[in-house]
């Protein structure tokens, strides 16, 4: 990976982190890195190990392909969402679906509050 490619990848990581409302400190904690190690990755001073890159991609809800190469859109994968919903509908009774709905509503409120706090 060239320095230019590393910088582009770092910019994609930073952009997505910011769009999710995380500070560098908060996100480094989420992915289990020291703030200084994460900052080096985000500023393209250090190439992340593969397991670290996978962890970052998962927490940013981005594919590795997009993160490393910029080849895909930076939005969550729709088929995965559809698969989860289909499994819920197939295996969950009404009580479990109601509980899942309430949980999703709470998560949505937390995410919205996080956006307004930034």
N, C-alpha and C. Protein backbone atom coordinates (compact mmCIF):
# COMPACT_ATOMS: atom_id res chain seq x y z
N UNK A 1 0.85 -1.18 0.00
CA UNK A 1 0.00 0.00 0.00
C UNK A 1 0.90 1.24 0.00
N UNK A 2 0.64 2.12 -0.94
CA UNK A 2 1.42 3.36 -1.02
C UNK A 2 0.96 4.33 0.07
N UNK A 3 1.75 5.35 0.30
CA UNK A 3 1.38 6.36 1.29
C UNK A 3 0.08 7.08 0.88
N UNK A 4 -0.08 7.31 -0.41
CA UNK A 4 -1.30 7.96 -0.90
C UNK A 4 -2.53 7.09 -0.64
N UNK A 5 -2.41 5.78 -0.88
CA UNK A 5 -3.52 4.86 -0.62
C UNK A 5 -3.83 4.79 0.87
N UNK A 6 -2.77 4.78 1.69
CA UNK A 6 -2.95 4.76 3.14
C UNK A 6 -3.69 6.01 3.60
N UNK A 7 -3.33 7.15 3.02
CA UNK A 7 -3.98 8.42 3.38
C UNK A 7 -5.46 8.41 2.97
N UNK A 8 -5.76 7.88 1.79
CA UNK A 8 -7.15 7.79 1.34
C UNK A 8 -7.97 6.89 2.26
N UNK A 9 -7.38 5.76 2.66
CA UNK A 9 -8.06 4.85 3.58
C UNK A 9 -8.30 5.56 4.93
N UNK A 10 -7.30 6.25 5.41
CA UNK A 10 -7.41 6.98 6.68
C UNK A 10 -8.52 8.03 6.60
N UNK A 11 -8.62 8.69 5.45
CA UNK A 11 -9.68 9.70 5.27
C UNK A 11 -11.06 9.06 5.28
N UNK A 12 -11.19 7.86 4.69
CA UNK A 12 -12.49 7.16 4.71
C UNK A 12 -12.86 6.77 6.14
N UNK A 13 -11.87 6.31 6.91
CA UNK A 13 -12.12 5.94 8.31
C UNK A 13 -12.56 7.17 9.09
N UNK A 14 -11.82 8.27 8.95
CA UNK A 14 -12.13 9.48 9.69
C UNK A 14 -13.51 10.02 9.32
N UNK A 15 -13.79 10.06 8.04
CA UNK A 15 -15.07 10.59 7.57
C UNK A 15 -16.24 9.79 8.14
N UNK A 16 -16.13 8.49 8.09
CA UNK A 16 -17.22 7.64 8.59
C UNK A 16 -17.35 7.77 10.11
N UNK A 17 -16.22 7.80 10.82
CA UNK A 17 -16.24 7.95 12.28
C UNK A 17 -16.97 9.23 12.65
N UNK A 18 -16.60 10.32 11.98
CA UNK A 18 -17.22 11.61 12.26
C UNK A 18 -18.71 11.60 11.93
N UNK A 19 -19.08 10.94 10.82
CA UNK A 19 -20.50 10.90 10.45
C UNK A 19 -21.32 10.11 11.46
N UNK A 20 -20.69 9.21 12.18
CA UNK A 20 -21.37 8.45 13.22
C UNK A 20 -21.36 9.16 14.57
N UNK A 21 -20.66 10.29 14.63
CA UNK A 21 -20.67 11.10 15.84
C UNK A 21 -19.68 10.70 16.91
N UNK A 22 -18.67 9.92 16.54
CA UNK A 22 -17.65 9.50 17.51
C UNK A 22 -16.47 10.46 17.50
N UNK A 23 -15.90 10.71 18.68
CA UNK A 23 -14.61 11.38 18.76
C UNK A 23 -13.55 10.31 18.55
N UNK A 24 -12.31 10.74 18.30
CA UNK A 24 -11.23 9.76 18.17
C UNK A 24 -11.09 8.95 19.46
N UNK A 25 -11.18 9.63 20.59
CA UNK A 25 -11.04 8.95 21.87
C UNK A 25 -12.14 7.91 22.07
N UNK A 26 -13.38 8.30 21.80
CA UNK A 26 -14.50 7.36 21.95
C UNK A 26 -14.33 6.15 21.03
N UNK A 27 -13.99 6.42 19.78
CA UNK A 27 -13.91 5.33 18.81
C UNK A 27 -12.73 4.41 19.10
N UNK A 28 -11.61 4.98 19.54
CA UNK A 28 -10.45 4.13 19.87
C UNK A 28 -10.83 3.17 20.99
N UNK A 29 -11.64 3.62 21.92
CA UNK A 29 -12.10 2.76 23.02
C UNK A 29 -13.02 1.66 22.48
N UNK A 30 -13.90 2.03 21.56
CA UNK A 30 -14.84 1.06 20.98
C UNK A 30 -14.10 -0.07 20.27
N UNK A 31 -13.03 0.28 19.55
CA UNK A 31 -12.31 -0.75 18.80
C UNK A 31 -11.16 -1.37 19.59
N UNK A 32 -10.99 -0.94 20.83
CA UNK A 32 -9.99 -1.56 21.70
C UNK A 32 -8.56 -1.18 21.43
N UNK A 33 -8.34 0.06 20.99
CA UNK A 33 -6.99 0.56 20.74
C UNK A 33 -6.71 1.74 21.66
N UNK A 34 -5.44 1.99 21.90
CA UNK A 34 -5.11 3.22 22.62
C UNK A 34 -5.42 4.38 21.70
N UNK A 35 -5.68 5.53 22.28
CA UNK A 35 -6.00 6.70 21.46
C UNK A 35 -4.83 7.03 20.53
N UNK A 36 -3.61 6.91 21.03
CA UNK A 36 -2.45 7.25 20.19
C UNK A 36 -2.31 6.28 19.01
N UNK A 37 -2.56 4.99 19.24
CA UNK A 37 -2.49 4.02 18.14
C UNK A 37 -3.56 4.30 17.09
N UNK A 38 -4.78 4.58 17.56
CA UNK A 38 -5.85 4.87 16.62
C UNK A 38 -5.57 6.16 15.85
N UNK A 39 -5.07 7.17 16.52
CA UNK A 39 -4.76 8.44 15.87
C UNK A 39 -3.71 8.24 14.78
N UNK A 40 -2.72 7.40 15.03
CA UNK A 40 -1.70 7.11 14.01
C UNK A 40 -2.32 6.48 12.77
N UNK A 41 -3.30 5.59 12.99
CA UNK A 41 -3.98 4.96 11.85
C UNK A 41 -4.79 6.00 11.08
N UNK A 42 -5.54 6.80 11.80
CA UNK A 42 -6.41 7.77 11.16
C UNK A 42 -5.64 8.89 10.48
N UNK A 43 -4.42 9.15 10.92
CA UNK A 43 -3.60 10.18 10.29
C UNK A 43 -2.60 9.60 9.29
N UNK A 44 -2.76 8.31 8.97
CA UNK A 44 -1.94 7.61 7.97
C UNK A 44 -0.46 7.56 8.35
N UNK A 45 -0.17 7.53 9.64
CA UNK A 45 1.21 7.36 10.10
C UNK A 45 1.53 5.89 10.34
N UNK A 46 0.49 5.06 10.41
CA UNK A 46 0.68 3.65 10.73
C UNK A 46 -0.33 2.81 9.96
N UNK A 47 0.15 1.70 9.36
CA UNK A 47 -0.76 0.77 8.70
C UNK A 47 -1.36 -0.14 9.76
N UNK A 48 -2.67 -0.27 9.76
CA UNK A 48 -3.29 -1.15 10.76
C UNK A 48 -3.08 -2.62 10.39
N UNK A 49 -2.97 -3.46 11.40
CA UNK A 49 -2.93 -4.90 11.18
C UNK A 49 -4.29 -5.34 10.63
N UNK A 50 -4.32 -6.47 9.96
CA UNK A 50 -5.56 -6.93 9.34
C UNK A 50 -6.68 -7.09 10.35
N UNK A 51 -6.40 -7.69 11.51
CA UNK A 51 -7.46 -7.87 12.50
C UNK A 51 -7.97 -6.52 13.02
N UNK A 52 -7.09 -5.55 13.13
CA UNK A 52 -7.50 -4.20 13.55
C UNK A 52 -8.36 -3.56 12.47
N UNK A 53 -7.96 -3.72 11.22
CA UNK A 53 -8.73 -3.15 10.11
C UNK A 53 -10.12 -3.78 10.03
N UNK A 54 -10.20 -5.07 10.23
CA UNK A 54 -11.50 -5.76 10.23
C UNK A 54 -12.37 -5.21 11.36
N UNK A 55 -11.80 -5.05 12.53
CA UNK A 55 -12.52 -4.53 13.69
C UNK A 55 -13.04 -3.11 13.42
N UNK A 56 -12.19 -2.28 12.85
CA UNK A 56 -12.60 -0.91 12.52
C UNK A 56 -13.74 -0.92 11.50
N UNK A 57 -13.58 -1.73 10.45
CA UNK A 57 -14.61 -1.82 9.41
C UNK A 57 -15.94 -2.27 9.99
N UNK A 58 -15.91 -3.26 10.88
CA UNK A 58 -17.14 -3.76 11.48
C UNK A 58 -17.83 -2.67 12.31
N UNK A 59 -17.05 -1.94 13.09
CA UNK A 59 -17.65 -0.91 13.94
C UNK A 59 -18.11 0.32 13.15
N UNK A 60 -17.55 0.51 11.97
CA UNK A 60 -17.99 1.61 11.12
C UNK A 60 -19.09 1.16 10.15
N UNK A 61 -19.41 -0.14 10.19
CA UNK A 61 -20.41 -0.74 9.30
C UNK A 61 -20.05 -0.48 7.83
N UNK A 62 -18.77 -0.73 7.52
CA UNK A 62 -18.27 -0.59 6.16
C UNK A 62 -17.62 -1.90 5.73
N UNK A 63 -17.61 -2.16 4.45
CA UNK A 63 -16.90 -3.34 3.95
C UNK A 63 -15.40 -3.05 3.92
N UNK A 64 -14.61 -4.10 4.02
CA UNK A 64 -13.16 -3.93 3.89
C UNK A 64 -12.81 -3.40 2.51
N UNK A 65 -13.53 -3.86 1.51
CA UNK A 65 -13.28 -3.42 0.15
C UNK A 65 -13.41 -1.90 0.05
N UNK A 66 -14.47 -1.36 0.61
CA UNK A 66 -14.63 0.10 0.58
C UNK A 66 -13.56 0.79 1.41
N UNK A 67 -13.33 0.27 2.60
CA UNK A 67 -12.38 0.91 3.51
C UNK A 67 -10.98 0.99 2.90
N UNK A 68 -10.53 -0.12 2.32
CA UNK A 68 -9.17 -0.18 1.78
C UNK A 68 -9.08 0.45 0.39
N UNK A 69 -10.06 0.15 -0.47
CA UNK A 69 -9.95 0.56 -1.87
C UNK A 69 -10.92 1.67 -2.29
N UNK A 70 -11.92 1.94 -1.46
CA UNK A 70 -12.92 2.93 -1.84
C UNK A 70 -13.82 2.45 -2.94
N UNK A 71 -13.95 1.12 -3.09
CA UNK A 71 -14.63 0.54 -4.24
C UNK A 71 -16.13 0.39 -4.08
N UNK A 72 -16.65 0.49 -2.88
CA UNK A 72 -18.08 0.32 -2.69
C UNK A 72 -18.65 1.57 -2.05
N UNK A 73 -19.95 1.68 -2.09
CA UNK A 73 -20.61 2.78 -1.39
C UNK A 73 -20.37 2.62 0.10
N UNK A 74 -20.43 3.71 0.84
CA UNK A 74 -20.11 3.67 2.26
C UNK A 74 -21.35 3.51 3.13
N UNK A 75 -22.33 2.79 2.62
CA UNK A 75 -23.53 2.58 3.42
C UNK A 75 -23.62 1.11 3.82
N UNK A 76 -24.41 0.81 4.84
CA UNK A 76 -24.56 -0.57 5.26
C UNK A 76 -25.08 -1.44 4.13
N UNK A 77 -24.75 -2.68 4.19
CA UNK A 77 -25.17 -3.62 3.17
C UNK A 77 -26.64 -3.98 3.35
N UNK A 78 -27.46 -3.68 2.38
CA UNK A 78 -28.89 -3.91 2.49
C UNK A 78 -29.26 -5.39 2.62
N UNK A 79 -28.63 -6.31 1.87
CA UNK A 79 -29.02 -7.72 1.99
C UNK A 79 -28.87 -8.26 3.42
N UNK A 80 -27.88 -7.79 4.14
CA UNK A 80 -27.71 -8.25 5.52
C UNK A 80 -28.91 -7.81 6.35
N UNK A 81 -29.35 -6.57 6.19
CA UNK A 81 -30.51 -6.08 6.91
C UNK A 81 -31.75 -6.90 6.58
N UNK A 82 -31.92 -7.22 5.31
CA UNK A 82 -33.08 -8.00 4.87
C UNK A 82 -33.02 -9.40 5.47
N UNK A 83 -31.83 -10.02 5.50
CA UNK A 83 -31.68 -11.35 6.08
C UNK A 83 -32.05 -11.35 7.56
N UNK A 84 -31.62 -10.33 8.28
CA UNK A 84 -31.94 -10.24 9.71
C UNK A 84 -33.44 -10.10 9.91
N UNK A 85 -34.07 -9.23 9.13
CA UNK A 85 -35.51 -9.04 9.25
C UNK A 85 -36.29 -10.31 8.89
N UNK A 86 -35.84 -11.00 7.85
CA UNK A 86 -36.51 -12.25 7.47
C UNK A 86 -36.40 -13.30 8.56
N UNK A 87 -35.23 -13.40 9.20
CA UNK A 87 -35.05 -14.35 10.29
C UNK A 87 -35.94 -13.99 11.48
N UNK A 88 -36.03 -12.69 11.79
CA UNK A 88 -36.91 -12.26 12.87
C UNK A 88 -38.36 -12.64 12.58
N UNK A 89 -38.80 -12.38 11.38
CA UNK A 89 -40.19 -12.68 11.03
C UNK A 89 -40.46 -14.18 11.03
N UNK A 90 -39.48 -14.96 10.64
CA UNK A 90 -39.67 -16.40 10.54
C UNK A 90 -39.67 -17.08 11.91
N UNK A 91 -38.78 -16.64 12.81
CA UNK A 91 -38.58 -17.37 14.05
C UNK A 91 -39.14 -16.71 15.30
N UNK A 92 -39.54 -15.48 15.22
CA UNK A 92 -39.98 -14.76 16.42
C UNK A 92 -41.50 -14.72 16.51
N UNK A 93 -42.00 -14.88 17.74
CA UNK A 93 -43.43 -14.72 17.95
C UNK A 93 -43.73 -13.23 18.15
N UNK A 94 -44.99 -12.89 18.31
CA UNK A 94 -45.38 -11.48 18.42
C UNK A 94 -44.75 -10.79 19.62
N UNK A 95 -44.61 -11.49 20.73
CA UNK A 95 -44.00 -10.89 21.92
C UNK A 95 -42.53 -10.54 21.66
N UNK A 96 -41.82 -11.43 21.00
CA UNK A 96 -40.41 -11.17 20.70
C UNK A 96 -40.28 -10.03 19.68
N UNK A 97 -41.17 -10.00 18.71
CA UNK A 97 -41.14 -8.92 17.72
C UNK A 97 -41.44 -7.58 18.38
N UNK A 98 -42.35 -7.56 19.32
CA UNK A 98 -42.66 -6.33 20.04
C UNK A 98 -41.45 -5.87 20.85
N UNK A 99 -40.79 -6.82 21.50
CA UNK A 99 -39.59 -6.50 22.27
C UNK A 99 -38.49 -5.96 21.34
N UNK A 100 -38.30 -6.60 20.20
CA UNK A 100 -37.29 -6.16 19.23
C UNK A 100 -37.60 -4.75 18.73
N UNK A 101 -38.87 -4.47 18.51
CA UNK A 101 -39.28 -3.15 18.05
C UNK A 101 -38.94 -2.08 19.09
N UNK A 102 -39.24 -2.38 20.36
CA UNK A 102 -38.93 -1.42 21.43
C UNK A 102 -37.42 -1.20 21.55
N UNK A 103 -36.65 -2.28 21.41
CA UNK A 103 -35.20 -2.18 21.48
C UNK A 103 -34.65 -1.32 20.34
N UNK A 104 -35.15 -1.54 19.14
CA UNK A 104 -34.72 -0.74 18.00
C UNK A 104 -35.07 0.74 18.18
N UNK A 105 -36.22 1.00 18.76
CA UNK A 105 -36.63 2.38 19.02
C UNK A 105 -35.66 3.05 20.00
N UNK A 106 -35.26 2.32 21.04
CA UNK A 106 -34.31 2.86 22.01
C UNK A 106 -32.95 3.12 21.36
N UNK A 107 -32.51 2.18 20.54
CA UNK A 107 -31.23 2.35 19.85
C UNK A 107 -31.28 3.57 18.93
N UNK A 108 -32.39 3.74 18.24
CA UNK A 108 -32.56 4.89 17.35
C UNK A 108 -32.48 6.20 18.12
N UNK A 109 -33.10 6.25 19.30
CA UNK A 109 -33.06 7.47 20.12
C UNK A 109 -31.64 7.75 20.61
N UNK A 110 -30.92 6.70 21.01
CA UNK A 110 -29.53 6.88 21.45
C UNK A 110 -28.69 7.42 20.31
N UNK A 111 -28.85 6.86 19.13
CA UNK A 111 -28.09 7.31 17.97
C UNK A 111 -28.43 8.76 17.63
N UNK A 112 -29.70 9.11 17.68
CA UNK A 112 -30.12 10.47 17.38
C UNK A 112 -29.54 11.44 18.41
N UNK A 113 -29.56 11.07 19.69
CA UNK A 113 -28.98 11.91 20.75
C UNK A 113 -27.48 12.10 20.54
N UNK A 114 -26.82 11.05 20.08
CA UNK A 114 -25.39 11.13 19.84
C UNK A 114 -25.09 12.13 18.72
N UNK A 115 -25.94 12.18 17.70
CA UNK A 115 -25.75 13.11 16.60
C UNK A 115 -25.93 14.56 17.07
N UNK A 116 -26.91 14.79 17.94
CA UNK A 116 -27.18 16.15 18.39
C UNK A 116 -26.17 16.62 19.42
N UNK A 117 -25.48 15.68 20.10
CA UNK A 117 -24.46 16.05 21.08
C UNK A 117 -23.17 16.53 20.43
N UNK A 118 -22.99 16.20 19.15
CA UNK A 118 -21.73 16.54 18.47
C UNK A 118 -21.75 17.93 17.95
